[in-house]
Amino acid sequence: MKQTMKRFSVFFVLGGMLLTTAGCQSTYYKTMETFGVHKRDILVSDVQKARDAQDAAKVQFASALEQFSSVVNVQGGELEKKYKALNAEYERSKSKADAVKGRIADVKRVAKDLFAEWEKELDKYKSDNLRRSSQAKLQQTQQCYNRLIAAMEKAESKITPVLDAFGDQVLFLKHNLNAKAVASLQGELTSIENETGVLIREMEKSIEEADAFIQQMTQQES
């Protein structure tokens, strides 16, 4: 599957450029199909990108938590330096969160189009056996997709509370760079650690579901 997707990578870039300029999803699909790249290929690619975005976000939030943990133990003149480092981690976390949100939206859009087309084309079969076989595969794929998108959305829902918590602490430190203020953050550390832990676990589950979905789609092609 990796070799297949590498072969299509140039076409995905080209298709993305056409989609940006034309602003038309149907034109994008038709263009990709001329290169032998169909909606299922695009969906698998988008799921891979969403999985990778979540993996990157997971690493980033763990890094931000580590930076926050180090701040509450800082003394004196290091506060300004630690604040800047924490703020940088927060901004990177926001960027990763936006990437996750965008990738999930891509997956949902292409999946909706793929399943609508698949359902519609069931009526074109002359063979009842082939129609039933295709319908069974459609239902199986939809079930796997439903598990995937539920896991992705659940993980995504855990991002905002963690981001909000980090954002509050960064804003508080910005105007209170003193030992007393830092000491007050100690009480928030456990809560943020717990929320970040939940987020990372949900992202790991989502990544596992993405791998399972990609594997199923690959098996259907073989």
N, C-alpha and C. Protein backbone atom coordinates (compact mmCIF):
# COMPACT_ATOMS: atom_id res chain seq x y z
N MET A 1 0.82 -1.20 0.00
CA MET A 1 0.00 0.00 0.00
C MET A 1 0.86 1.26 0.00
N LYS A 2 2.00 1.24 0.73
CA LYS A 2 2.87 2.39 0.79
C LYS A 2 3.41 2.73 -0.59
N GLN A 3 3.80 1.67 -1.36
CA GLN A 3 4.31 1.91 -2.70
C GLN A 3 3.24 2.50 -3.59
N THR A 4 2.01 2.01 -3.44
CA THR A 4 0.89 2.52 -4.23
C THR A 4 0.68 4.00 -3.96
N MET A 5 0.66 4.38 -2.68
CA MET A 5 0.41 5.76 -2.33
C MET A 5 1.56 6.66 -2.76
N LYS A 6 2.79 6.16 -2.73
CA LYS A 6 3.92 6.94 -3.21
C LYS A 6 3.77 7.22 -4.71
N ARG A 7 3.29 6.21 -5.42
CA ARG A 7 3.11 6.35 -6.86
C ARG A 7 2.07 7.42 -7.18
N PHE A 8 1.08 7.53 -6.28
CA PHE A 8 0.01 8.49 -6.50
C PHE A 8 0.32 9.87 -5.93
N SER A 9 1.41 10.01 -5.21
CA SER A 9 1.66 11.26 -4.46
C SER A 9 1.66 12.48 -5.36
N VAL A 10 2.31 12.38 -6.53
CA VAL A 10 2.36 13.51 -7.45
C VAL A 10 0.96 13.87 -7.91
N PHE A 11 0.13 12.84 -8.16
CA PHE A 11 -1.22 13.10 -8.63
C PHE A 11 -2.06 13.76 -7.55
N PHE A 12 -1.85 13.39 -6.29
CA PHE A 12 -2.59 14.01 -5.19
C PHE A 12 -2.23 15.49 -5.08
N VAL A 13 -0.94 15.81 -5.27
CA VAL A 13 -0.51 17.20 -5.23
C VAL A 13 -1.16 17.98 -6.37
N LEU A 14 -1.13 17.39 -7.58
CA LEU A 14 -1.74 18.04 -8.74
C LEU A 14 -3.23 18.24 -8.52
N GLY A 15 -3.89 17.19 -8.02
CA GLY A 15 -5.32 17.28 -7.78
C GLY A 15 -5.65 18.33 -6.74
N GLY A 16 -4.81 18.42 -5.71
CA GLY A 16 -5.03 19.43 -4.68
C GLY A 16 -4.92 20.84 -5.24
N MET A 17 -3.97 21.03 -6.17
CA MET A 17 -3.82 22.34 -6.80
C MET A 17 -5.03 22.69 -7.63
N LEU A 18 -5.55 21.70 -8.33
CA LEU A 18 -6.74 21.93 -9.15
C LEU A 18 -7.95 22.25 -8.28
N LEU A 19 -8.05 21.54 -7.16
CA LEU A 19 -9.16 21.77 -6.24
C LEU A 19 -9.09 23.18 -5.67
N THR A 20 -7.88 23.64 -5.39
CA THR A 20 -7.70 24.98 -4.83
C THR A 20 -8.09 26.05 -5.83
N THR A 21 -7.68 25.84 -7.09
CA THR A 21 -7.93 26.86 -8.09
C THR A 21 -9.36 26.80 -8.60
N ALA A 22 -9.88 25.61 -8.80
CA ALA A 22 -11.21 25.48 -9.36
C ALA A 22 -12.29 25.53 -8.30
N GLY A 23 -11.93 25.12 -7.09
CA GLY A 23 -12.90 25.13 -6.00
C GLY A 23 -14.04 24.16 -6.23
N CYS A 24 -13.79 23.12 -6.97
CA CYS A 24 -14.88 22.20 -7.32
C CYS A 24 -14.45 20.77 -6.99
N GLN A 25 -15.16 20.16 -6.03
CA GLN A 25 -14.81 18.81 -5.61
C GLN A 25 -14.98 17.80 -6.73
N SER A 26 -16.06 17.94 -7.51
CA SER A 26 -16.31 16.98 -8.58
C SER A 26 -15.24 17.05 -9.65
N THR A 27 -14.76 18.25 -9.95
CA THR A 27 -13.67 18.41 -10.92
C THR A 27 -12.40 17.74 -10.40
N TYR A 28 -12.18 17.89 -9.12
CA TYR A 28 -11.02 17.26 -8.48
C TYR A 28 -11.08 15.75 -8.63
N TYR A 29 -12.23 15.16 -8.33
CA TYR A 29 -12.38 13.71 -8.45
C TYR A 29 -12.18 13.24 -9.88
N LYS A 30 -12.77 13.95 -10.83
CA LYS A 30 -12.65 13.56 -12.24
C LYS A 30 -11.20 13.64 -12.71
N THR A 31 -10.52 14.68 -12.26
CA THR A 31 -9.11 14.83 -12.63
C THR A 31 -8.28 13.69 -12.09
N MET A 32 -8.51 13.35 -10.83
CA MET A 32 -7.76 12.26 -10.22
C MET A 32 -8.04 10.93 -10.88
N GLU A 33 -9.29 10.73 -11.29
CA GLU A 33 -9.66 9.47 -11.94
C GLU A 33 -8.97 9.28 -13.28
N THR A 34 -8.65 10.39 -13.94
CA THR A 34 -7.94 10.27 -15.21
C THR A 34 -6.54 9.69 -15.01
N PHE A 35 -6.03 9.79 -13.79
CA PHE A 35 -4.73 9.22 -13.45
C PHE A 35 -4.88 7.86 -12.76
N GLY A 36 -6.11 7.35 -12.71
CA GLY A 36 -6.34 6.06 -12.07
C GLY A 36 -6.43 6.14 -10.56
N VAL A 37 -6.64 7.34 -10.03
CA VAL A 37 -6.76 7.54 -8.58
C VAL A 37 -8.22 7.80 -8.26
N HIS A 38 -8.84 6.88 -7.53
CA HIS A 38 -10.27 6.97 -7.26
C HIS A 38 -10.54 7.43 -5.83
N LYS A 39 -11.81 7.62 -5.54
CA LYS A 39 -12.19 8.16 -4.22
C LYS A 39 -11.65 7.30 -3.08
N ARG A 40 -11.66 5.99 -3.24
CA ARG A 40 -11.17 5.13 -2.17
C ARG A 40 -9.67 5.37 -1.93
N ASP A 41 -8.91 5.63 -3.00
CA ASP A 41 -7.49 5.93 -2.86
C ASP A 41 -7.30 7.26 -2.12
N ILE A 42 -8.13 8.24 -2.50
CA ILE A 42 -8.06 9.56 -1.85
C ILE A 42 -8.42 9.44 -0.38
N LEU A 43 -9.45 8.63 -0.09
CA LEU A 43 -9.88 8.45 1.29
C LEU A 43 -8.77 7.81 2.13
N VAL A 44 -8.16 6.77 1.60
CA VAL A 44 -7.07 6.12 2.33
C VAL A 44 -5.93 7.11 2.58
N SER A 45 -5.60 7.91 1.56
CA SER A 45 -4.55 8.91 1.72
C SER A 45 -4.92 9.93 2.79
N ASP A 46 -6.18 10.37 2.79
CA ASP A 46 -6.63 11.35 3.78
C ASP A 46 -6.63 10.76 5.19
N VAL A 47 -6.98 9.50 5.31
CA VAL A 47 -6.95 8.84 6.62
C VAL A 47 -5.51 8.74 7.12
N GLN A 48 -4.59 8.42 6.21
CA GLN A 48 -3.18 8.37 6.58
C GLN A 48 -2.69 9.73 7.07
N LYS A 49 -3.10 10.79 6.37
CA LYS A 49 -2.69 12.14 6.75
C LYS A 49 -3.29 12.52 8.11
N ALA A 50 -4.55 12.15 8.33
CA ALA A 50 -5.19 12.45 9.61
C ALA A 50 -4.51 11.69 10.74
N ARG A 51 -4.18 10.43 10.47
CA ARG A 51 -3.45 9.63 11.46
C ARG A 51 -2.11 10.27 11.80
N ASP A 52 -1.38 10.68 10.78
CA ASP A 52 -0.07 11.28 11.00
C ASP A 52 -0.19 12.62 11.73
N ALA A 53 -1.25 13.38 11.41
CA ALA A 53 -1.48 14.65 12.09
C ALA A 53 -1.77 14.43 13.58
N GLN A 54 -2.53 13.39 13.88
CA GLN A 54 -2.82 13.09 15.28
C GLN A 54 -1.57 12.61 16.01
N ASP A 55 -0.76 11.84 15.32
CA ASP A 55 0.49 11.37 15.93
C ASP A 55 1.40 12.56 16.24
N ALA A 56 1.48 13.50 15.30
CA ALA A 56 2.30 14.69 15.52
C ALA A 56 1.75 15.53 16.66
N ALA A 57 0.42 15.64 16.73
CA ALA A 57 -0.21 16.41 17.81
C ALA A 57 0.03 15.75 19.16
N LYS A 58 -0.03 14.43 19.17
CA LYS A 58 0.21 13.69 20.42
C LYS A 58 1.61 14.00 20.96
N VAL A 59 2.58 13.97 20.08
CA VAL A 59 3.96 14.27 20.49
C VAL A 59 4.08 15.71 20.96
N GLN A 60 3.42 16.62 20.24
CA GLN A 60 3.51 18.04 20.59
C GLN A 60 2.87 18.33 21.96
N PHE A 61 1.72 17.75 22.23
CA PHE A 61 1.06 18.00 23.51
C PHE A 61 1.87 17.41 24.67
N ALA A 62 2.51 16.28 24.42
CA ALA A 62 3.38 15.71 25.45
C ALA A 62 4.55 16.65 25.72
N SER A 63 5.08 17.25 24.66
CA SER A 63 6.18 18.20 24.80
C SER A 63 5.73 19.44 25.56
N ALA A 64 4.52 19.93 25.24
CA ALA A 64 3.99 21.12 25.93
C ALA A 64 3.78 20.84 27.41
N LEU A 65 3.30 19.65 27.72
CA LEU A 65 3.11 19.27 29.12
C LEU A 65 4.44 19.25 29.86
N GLU A 66 5.45 18.71 29.19
CA GLU A 66 6.79 18.66 29.80
C GLU A 66 7.30 20.07 30.08
N GLN A 67 7.06 20.98 29.15
CA GLN A 67 7.49 22.36 29.32
C GLN A 67 6.74 23.03 30.47
N PHE A 68 5.44 22.75 30.54
CA PHE A 68 4.65 23.33 31.63
C PHE A 68 5.12 22.80 32.99
N SER A 69 5.41 21.51 33.03
CA SER A 69 5.88 20.90 34.28
C SER A 69 7.19 21.53 34.73
N SER A 70 8.04 21.89 33.77
CA SER A 70 9.33 22.49 34.13
C SER A 70 9.16 23.91 34.63
N VAL A 71 8.13 24.61 34.15
CA VAL A 71 7.91 25.99 34.54
C VAL A 71 7.59 26.11 36.02
N VAL A 72 6.77 25.19 36.54
CA VAL A 72 6.33 25.31 37.93
C VAL A 72 7.47 25.08 38.92
N ASN A 73 8.61 24.63 38.42
CA ASN A 73 9.76 24.41 39.31
C ASN A 73 10.89 25.41 39.09
N VAL A 74 10.58 26.47 38.33
CA VAL A 74 11.60 27.45 37.98
C VAL A 74 11.70 28.53 39.05
N GLN A 75 12.88 29.06 39.19
CA GLN A 75 13.11 30.13 40.16
C GLN A 75 13.71 31.36 39.46
N GLY A 76 13.38 32.52 39.99
CA GLY A 76 14.04 33.77 39.64
C GLY A 76 14.15 34.12 38.19
N GLY A 77 15.39 34.43 37.75
CA GLY A 77 15.63 34.99 36.44
C GLY A 77 15.28 34.11 35.26
N GLU A 78 15.05 32.85 35.49
CA GLU A 78 14.73 31.95 34.38
C GLU A 78 13.27 32.06 33.94
N LEU A 79 12.46 32.79 34.68
CA LEU A 79 11.02 32.83 34.40
C LEU A 79 10.70 33.35 33.00
N GLU A 80 11.36 34.44 32.60
CA GLU A 80 11.09 35.02 31.29
C GLU A 80 11.43 34.03 30.18
N LYS A 81 12.57 33.38 30.32
CA LYS A 81 12.99 32.39 29.32
C LYS A 81 12.02 31.21 29.27
N LYS A 82 11.58 30.74 30.43
CA LYS A 82 10.65 29.61 30.47
C LYS A 82 9.28 29.99 29.92
N TYR A 83 8.88 31.22 30.21
CA TYR A 83 7.60 31.69 29.67
C TYR A 83 7.61 31.67 28.14
N LYS A 84 8.68 32.18 27.57
CA LYS A 84 8.78 32.21 26.11
C LYS A 84 8.76 30.80 25.52
N ALA A 85 9.44 29.88 26.20
CA ALA A 85 9.46 28.49 25.73
C ALA A 85 8.08 27.87 25.82
N LEU A 86 7.37 28.15 26.92
CA LEU A 86 6.03 27.60 27.10
C LEU A 86 5.07 28.19 26.08
N ASN A 87 5.19 29.48 25.83
CA ASN A 87 4.33 30.12 24.84
C ASN A 87 4.57 29.54 23.45
N ALA A 88 5.83 29.27 23.13
CA ALA A 88 6.16 28.66 21.83
C ALA A 88 5.53 27.27 21.72
N GLU A 89 5.57 26.50 22.80
CA GLU A 89 4.96 25.18 22.80
C GLU A 89 3.44 25.29 22.62
N TYR A 90 2.86 26.28 23.26
CA TYR A 90 1.41 26.49 23.14
C TYR A 90 1.03 26.83 21.69
N GLU A 91 1.79 27.70 21.06
CA GLU A 91 1.50 28.08 19.67
C GLU A 91 1.67 26.88 18.73
N ARG A 92 2.68 26.07 18.98
CA ARG A 92 2.87 24.86 18.16
C ARG A 92 1.72 23.88 18.38
N SER A 93 1.25 23.80 19.61
CA SER A 93 0.13 22.91 19.92
C SER A 93 -1.14 23.35 19.20
N LYS A 94 -1.37 24.67 19.16
CA LYS A 94 -2.54 25.18 18.43
C LYS A 94 -2.45 24.84 16.95
N SER A 95 -1.25 24.97 16.40
CA SER A 95 -1.06 24.67 14.99
C SER A 95 -1.33 23.19 14.70
N LYS A 96 -0.82 22.32 15.56
CA LYS A 96 -1.05 20.88 15.39
C LYS A 96 -2.53 20.55 15.55
N ALA A 97 -3.20 21.22 16.48
CA ALA A 97 -4.63 20.99 16.68
C ALA A 97 -5.43 21.39 15.44
N ASP A 98 -5.07 22.52 14.84
CA ASP A 98 -5.74 22.97 13.61
C ASP A 98 -5.51 21.96 12.48
N ALA A 99 -4.31 21.40 12.42
CA ALA A 99 -4.00 20.42 11.39
C ALA A 99 -4.86 19.16 11.55
N VAL A 100 -5.02 18.71 12.79
CA VAL A 100 -5.86 17.55 13.07
C VAL A 100 -7.29 17.82 12.63
N LYS A 101 -7.81 18.97 13.02
CA LYS A 101 -9.19 19.33 12.67
C LYS A 101 -9.39 19.34 11.15
N GLY A 102 -8.45 19.93 10.44
CA GLY A 102 -8.54 20.00 8.98
C GLY A 102 -8.48 18.63 8.33
N ARG A 103 -7.60 17.78 8.82
CA ARG A 103 -7.45 16.44 8.24
C ARG A 103 -8.71 15.59 8.47
N ILE A 104 -9.30 15.72 9.65
CA ILE A 104 -10.53 14.98 9.93
C ILE A 104 -11.65 15.45 9.02
N ALA A 105 -11.72 16.75 8.78
CA ALA A 105 -12.73 17.30 7.87
C ALA A 105 -12.54 16.74 6.47
N ASP A 106 -11.30 16.61 6.03
CA ASP A 106 -11.01 16.03 4.71
C ASP A 106 -11.51 14.59 4.62
N VAL A 107 -11.23 13.82 5.66
CA VAL A 107 -11.67 12.42 5.70
C VAL A 107 -13.18 12.33 5.60
N LYS A 108 -13.89 13.13 6.37
CA LYS A 108 -15.35 13.08 6.40
C LYS A 108 -15.94 13.47 5.04
N ARG A 109 -15.36 14.46 4.40
CA ARG A 109 -15.88 14.91 3.11
C ARG A 109 -15.72 13.84 2.03
N VAL A 110 -14.53 13.27 1.94
CA VAL A 110 -14.29 12.26 0.91
C VAL A 110 -15.08 10.99 1.20
N ALA A 111 -15.17 10.60 2.46
CA ALA A 111 -15.93 9.39 2.82
C ALA A 111 -17.40 9.56 2.43
N LYS A 112 -17.94 10.72 2.70
CA LYS A 112 -19.35 10.98 2.34
C LYS A 112 -19.56 10.83 0.84
N ASP A 113 -18.64 11.38 0.06
CA ASP A 113 -18.75 11.30 -1.40
C ASP A 113 -18.56 9.87 -1.90
N LEU A 114 -17.60 9.17 -1.31
CA LEU A 114 -17.34 7.79 -1.72
C LEU A 114 -18.55 6.90 -1.46
N PHE A 115 -19.11 6.97 -0.26
CA PHE A 115 -20.23 6.11 0.10
C PHE A 115 -21.49 6.44 -0.71
N ALA A 116 -21.69 7.72 -1.00
CA ALA A 116 -22.84 8.12 -1.82
C ALA A 116 -22.73 7.55 -3.23
N GLU A 117 -21.52 7.62 -3.79
CA GLU A 117 -21.29 7.08 -5.12
C GLU A 117 -21.44 5.56 -5.13
N TRP A 118 -20.87 4.92 -4.12
CA TRP A 118 -20.92 3.46 -4.02
C TRP A 118 -22.37 2.99 -3.91
N GLU A 119 -23.14 3.65 -3.07
CA GLU A 119 -24.56 3.29 -2.89
C GLU A 119 -25.34 3.46 -4.19
N LYS A 120 -25.10 4.55 -4.86
CA LYS A 120 -25.81 4.84 -6.11
C LYS A 120 -25.49 3.82 -7.20
N GLU A 121 -24.23 3.39 -7.25
CA GLU A 121 -23.81 2.49 -8.32
C GLU A 121 -24.22 1.04 -8.09
N LEU A 122 -24.75 0.73 -6.91
CA LEU A 122 -25.27 -0.62 -6.68
C LEU A 122 -26.40 -0.95 -7.65
N ASP A 123 -27.17 0.06 -8.03
CA ASP A 123 -28.31 -0.14 -8.94
C ASP A 123 -27.88 -0.45 -10.36
N LYS A 124 -26.62 -0.25 -10.67
CA LYS A 124 -26.14 -0.47 -12.03
C LYS A 124 -25.82 -1.94 -12.31
N TYR A 125 -25.71 -2.74 -11.25
CA TYR A 125 -25.37 -4.15 -11.44
C TYR A 125 -26.50 -4.91 -12.12
N LYS A 126 -26.13 -5.76 -13.06
CA LYS A 126 -27.09 -6.69 -13.66
C LYS A 126 -27.09 -8.00 -12.88
N SER A 127 -25.95 -8.33 -12.29
CA SER A 127 -25.81 -9.56 -11.52
C SER A 127 -26.21 -9.33 -10.06
N ASP A 128 -27.18 -10.12 -9.60
CA ASP A 128 -27.61 -10.01 -8.20
C ASP A 128 -26.48 -10.40 -7.25
N ASN A 129 -25.71 -11.42 -7.62
CA ASN A 129 -24.62 -11.89 -6.76
C ASN A 129 -23.55 -10.82 -6.59
N LEU A 130 -23.18 -10.17 -7.68
CA LEU A 130 -22.18 -9.12 -7.60
C LEU A 130 -22.69 -7.91 -6.83
N ARG A 131 -23.99 -7.61 -7.00
CA ARG A 131 -24.57 -6.49 -6.27
C ARG A 131 -24.55 -6.76 -4.77
N ARG A 132 -24.93 -7.97 -4.38
CA ARG A 132 -24.93 -8.32 -2.96
C ARG A 132 -23.52 -8.30 -2.39
N SER A 133 -22.56 -8.78 -3.17
CA SER A 133 -21.18 -8.78 -2.72
C SER A 133 -20.67 -7.36 -2.51
N SER A 134 -20.98 -6.48 -3.47
CA SER A 134 -20.55 -5.10 -3.38
C SER A 134 -21.24 -4.40 -2.20
N GLN A 135 -22.50 -4.69 -2.00
CA GLN A 135 -23.25 -4.08 -0.90
C GLN A 135 -22.69 -4.52 0.45
N ALA A 136 -22.31 -5.79 0.54
CA ALA A 136 -21.74 -6.30 1.78
C ALA A 136 -20.41 -5.60 2.08
N LYS A 137 -19.60 -5.40 1.04
CA LYS A 137 -18.33 -4.69 1.22
C LYS A 137 -18.56 -3.24 1.62
N LEU A 138 -19.59 -2.65 1.03
CA LEU A 138 -19.93 -1.26 1.39
C LEU A 138 -20.30 -1.17 2.86
N GLN A 139 -21.16 -2.06 3.31
CA GLN A 139 -21.59 -2.05 4.71
C GLN A 139 -20.42 -2.30 5.66
N GLN A 140 -19.57 -3.23 5.28
CA GLN A 140 -18.39 -3.53 6.10
C GLN A 140 -17.46 -2.31 6.19
N THR A 141 -17.27 -1.66 5.06
CA THR A 141 -16.41 -0.47 5.03
C THR A 141 -17.02 0.67 5.84
N GLN A 142 -18.32 0.84 5.73
CA GLN A 142 -19.01 1.90 6.49
C GLN A 142 -18.90 1.65 8.00
N GLN A 143 -19.02 0.41 8.40
CA GLN A 143 -18.91 0.08 9.83
C GLN A 143 -17.51 0.40 10.35
N CYS A 144 -16.51 0.03 9.57
CA CYS A 144 -15.13 0.31 9.96
C CYS A 144 -14.89 1.82 9.98
N TYR A 145 -15.45 2.51 9.00
CA TYR A 145 -15.30 3.96 8.94
C TYR A 145 -15.99 4.64 10.14
N ASN A 146 -17.17 4.15 10.49
CA ASN A 146 -17.89 4.74 11.62
C ASN A 146 -17.09 4.63 12.92
N ARG A 147 -16.42 3.48 13.10
CA ARG A 147 -15.56 3.33 14.28
C ARG A 147 -14.40 4.31 14.22
N LEU A 148 -13.84 4.45 13.01
CA LEU A 148 -12.71 5.35 12.82
C LEU A 148 -13.08 6.79 13.14
N ILE A 149 -14.16 7.28 12.53
CA ILE A 149 -14.50 8.70 12.68
C ILE A 149 -14.97 8.99 14.10
N ALA A 150 -15.59 8.01 14.74
CA ALA A 150 -15.99 8.20 16.14
C ALA A 150 -14.75 8.37 17.02
N ALA A 151 -13.73 7.55 16.76
CA ALA A 151 -12.49 7.64 17.53
C ALA A 151 -11.77 8.96 17.25
N MET A 152 -11.75 9.37 15.99
CA MET A 152 -11.10 10.63 15.64
C MET A 152 -11.79 11.82 16.28
N GLU A 153 -13.12 11.83 16.23
CA GLU A 153 -13.87 12.95 16.80
C GLU A 153 -13.77 12.97 18.32
N LYS A 154 -13.72 11.80 18.92
CA LYS A 154 -13.58 11.76 20.37
C LYS A 154 -12.22 12.31 20.79
N ALA A 155 -11.18 11.92 20.05
CA ALA A 155 -9.84 12.44 20.35
C ALA A 155 -9.79 13.95 20.13
N GLU A 156 -10.40 14.39 19.03
CA GLU A 156 -10.41 15.83 18.73
C GLU A 156 -11.12 16.62 19.83
N SER A 157 -12.19 16.04 20.39
CA SER A 157 -12.95 16.74 21.42
C SER A 157 -12.13 16.96 22.70
N LYS A 158 -11.09 16.15 22.87
CA LYS A 158 -10.25 16.28 24.07
C LYS A 158 -9.18 17.35 23.90
N ILE A 159 -9.01 17.84 22.67
CA ILE A 159 -7.96 18.82 22.42
C ILE A 159 -8.29 20.17 23.05
N THR A 160 -9.52 20.63 22.86
CA THR A 160 -9.88 21.98 23.30
C THR A 160 -9.67 22.20 24.80
N PRO A 161 -10.11 21.28 25.69
CA PRO A 161 -9.87 21.52 27.12
C PRO A 161 -8.38 21.65 27.47
N VAL A 162 -7.55 20.83 26.81
CA VAL A 162 -6.12 20.90 27.08
C VAL A 162 -5.54 22.21 26.55
N LEU A 163 -5.92 22.58 25.33
CA LEU A 163 -5.44 23.84 24.77
C LEU A 163 -5.87 25.03 25.62
N ASP A 164 -7.13 25.00 26.06
CA ASP A 164 -7.64 26.09 26.90
C ASP A 164 -6.84 26.20 28.20
N ALA A 165 -6.54 25.06 28.78
CA ALA A 165 -5.78 25.06 30.04
C ALA A 165 -4.38 25.62 29.82
N PHE A 166 -3.72 25.16 28.75
CA PHE A 166 -2.39 25.69 28.45
C PHE A 166 -2.45 27.19 28.17
N GLY A 167 -3.46 27.58 27.39
CA GLY A 167 -3.60 29.00 27.04
C GLY A 167 -3.80 29.88 28.26
N ASP A 168 -4.61 29.41 29.19
CA ASP A 168 -4.83 30.18 30.43
C ASP A 168 -3.53 30.37 31.21
N GLN A 169 -2.76 29.30 31.31
CA GLN A 169 -1.52 29.37 32.08
C GLN A 169 -0.50 30.29 31.41
N VAL A 170 -0.43 30.20 30.08
CA VAL A 170 0.49 31.07 29.34
C VAL A 170 0.10 32.54 29.53
N LEU A 171 -1.19 32.83 29.42
CA LEU A 171 -1.66 34.20 29.59
C LEU A 171 -1.42 34.69 31.01
N PHE A 172 -1.64 33.83 31.98
CA PHE A 172 -1.43 34.20 33.37
C PHE A 172 0.04 34.52 33.62
N LEU A 173 0.92 33.67 33.10
CA LEU A 173 2.35 33.88 33.30
C LEU A 173 2.83 35.17 32.61
N LYS A 174 2.22 35.48 31.47
CA LYS A 174 2.62 36.67 30.72
C LYS A 174 2.58 37.92 31.60
N HIS A 175 1.58 37.99 32.47
CA HIS A 175 1.40 39.19 33.28
C HIS A 175 1.82 38.98 34.74
N ASN A 176 2.33 37.80 35.04
CA ASN A 176 2.69 37.50 36.43
C ASN A 176 3.99 36.70 36.50
N LEU A 177 5.06 37.27 35.98
CA LEU A 177 6.34 36.57 35.96
C LEU A 177 7.06 36.74 37.30
N ASN A 178 6.53 36.05 38.32
CA ASN A 178 7.16 36.08 39.63
C ASN A 178 6.97 34.74 40.31
N ALA A 179 7.74 34.50 41.32
CA ALA A 179 7.75 33.20 42.00
C ALA A 179 6.39 32.84 42.58
N LYS A 180 5.68 33.84 43.10
CA LYS A 180 4.38 33.59 43.70
C LYS A 180 3.38 33.09 42.67
N ALA A 181 3.41 33.71 41.50
CA ALA A 181 2.51 33.30 40.42
C ALA A 181 2.82 31.88 39.96
N VAL A 182 4.10 31.59 39.81
CA VAL A 182 4.50 30.25 39.39
C VAL A 182 4.07 29.21 40.41
N ALA A 183 4.19 29.54 41.69
CA ALA A 183 3.79 28.62 42.74
C ALA A 183 2.29 28.31 42.65
N SER A 184 1.51 29.31 42.24
CA SER A 184 0.06 29.10 42.14
C SER A 184 -0.30 28.13 41.02
N LEU A 185 0.60 28.00 40.04
CA LEU A 185 0.35 27.08 38.92
C LEU A 185 0.52 25.62 39.33
N GLN A 186 1.21 25.39 40.42
CA GLN A 186 1.48 24.03 40.86
C GLN A 186 0.17 23.26 41.06
N GLY A 187 -0.84 23.97 41.56
CA GLY A 187 -2.13 23.32 41.79
C GLY A 187 -2.83 22.90 40.52
N GLU A 188 -2.48 23.54 39.39
CA GLU A 188 -3.10 23.21 38.11
C GLU A 188 -2.39 22.06 37.40
N LEU A 189 -1.19 21.76 37.83
CA LEU A 189 -0.36 20.79 37.11
C LEU A 189 -1.02 19.42 37.03
N THR A 190 -1.53 18.93 38.15
CA THR A 190 -2.14 17.59 38.16
C THR A 190 -3.32 17.51 37.21
N SER A 191 -4.16 18.55 37.21
CA SER A 191 -5.33 18.57 36.33
C SER A 191 -4.92 18.56 34.86
N ILE A 192 -3.92 19.36 34.53
CA ILE A 192 -3.45 19.42 33.15
C ILE A 192 -2.79 18.11 32.74
N GLU A 193 -2.05 17.51 33.66
CA GLU A 193 -1.44 16.21 33.37
C GLU A 193 -2.51 15.17 33.06
N ASN A 194 -3.58 15.18 33.85
CA ASN A 194 -4.65 14.20 33.64
C ASN A 194 -5.35 14.43 32.31
N GLU A 195 -5.67 15.69 32.00
CA GLU A 195 -6.35 15.99 30.74
C GLU A 195 -5.49 15.66 29.54
N THR A 196 -4.21 15.95 29.64
CA THR A 196 -3.29 15.64 28.54
C THR A 196 -3.14 14.13 28.38
N GLY A 197 -3.11 13.42 29.51
CA GLY A 197 -3.03 11.96 29.44
C GLY A 197 -4.23 11.35 28.74
N VAL A 198 -5.42 11.87 29.05
CA VAL A 198 -6.65 11.39 28.39
C VAL A 198 -6.57 11.68 26.89
N LEU A 199 -6.15 12.90 26.54
CA LEU A 199 -6.03 13.27 25.14
C LEU A 199 -5.09 12.34 24.39
N ILE A 200 -3.94 12.08 24.95
CA ILE A 200 -2.95 11.22 24.28
C ILE A 200 -3.49 9.80 24.12
N ARG A 201 -4.16 9.29 25.14
CA ARG A 201 -4.73 7.94 25.04
C ARG A 201 -5.80 7.86 23.95
N GLU A 202 -6.65 8.88 23.87
CA GLU A 202 -7.69 8.88 22.84
C GLU A 202 -7.09 9.01 21.45
N MET A 203 -6.02 9.77 21.33
CA MET A 203 -5.35 9.88 20.03
C MET A 203 -4.72 8.56 19.63
N GLU A 204 -4.17 7.86 20.59
CA GLU A 204 -3.58 6.55 20.30
C GLU A 204 -4.65 5.57 19.82
N LYS A 205 -5.83 5.62 20.44
CA LYS A 205 -6.93 4.76 20.00
C LYS A 205 -7.36 5.13 18.59
N SER A 206 -7.43 6.41 18.32
CA SER A 206 -7.81 6.88 16.99
C SER A 206 -6.80 6.44 15.94
N ILE A 207 -5.53 6.52 16.28
CA ILE A 207 -4.47 6.09 15.36
C ILE A 207 -4.60 4.59 15.07
N GLU A 208 -4.93 3.81 16.08
CA GLU A 208 -5.14 2.37 15.89
C GLU A 208 -6.32 2.10 14.95
N GLU A 209 -7.40 2.87 15.12
CA GLU A 209 -8.56 2.71 14.24
C GLU A 209 -8.21 3.10 12.80
N ALA A 210 -7.39 4.12 12.65
CA ALA A 210 -6.96 4.53 11.31
C ALA A 210 -6.15 3.42 10.64
N ASP A 211 -5.26 2.82 11.39
CA ASP A 211 -4.47 1.72 10.85
C ASP A 211 -5.37 0.55 10.45
N ALA A 212 -6.38 0.26 11.27
CA ALA A 212 -7.31 -0.83 10.97
C ALA A 212 -8.11 -0.54 9.71
N PHE A 213 -8.54 0.71 9.55
CA PHE A 213 -9.31 1.10 8.36
C PHE A 213 -8.45 0.99 7.11
N ILE A 214 -7.22 1.48 7.19
CA ILE A 214 -6.32 1.41 6.04
C ILE A 214 -6.06 -0.05 5.66
N GLN A 215 -5.88 -0.89 6.66
CA GLN A 215 -5.63 -2.31 6.40
C GLN A 215 -6.83 -2.95 5.72
N GLN A 216 -8.03 -2.62 6.17
CA GLN A 216 -9.23 -3.20 5.56
C GLN A 216 -9.36 -2.76 4.11
N MET A 217 -9.13 -1.48 3.85
CA MET A 217 -9.24 -0.98 2.49
C MET A 217 -8.19 -1.64 1.59
N THR A 218 -7.03 -1.89 2.13
CA THR A 218 -5.96 -2.54 1.36
C THR A 218 -6.34 -3.98 1.05
N GLN A 219 -6.92 -4.67 2.02
CA GLN A 219 -7.32 -6.06 1.82
C GLN A 219 -8.41 -6.18 0.77
N GLN A 220 -9.28 -5.20 0.69
CA GLN A 220 -10.34 -5.22 -0.32
C GLN A 220 -9.78 -5.10 -1.72
N GLU A 221 -8.64 -4.44 -1.84
CA GLU A 221 -8.04 -4.29 -3.16
C GLU A 221 -7.31 -5.54 -3.62
N SER A 222 -6.89 -6.38 -2.65
CA SER A 222 -6.09 -7.56 -3.02
C SER A 222 -6.98 -8.73 -3.41
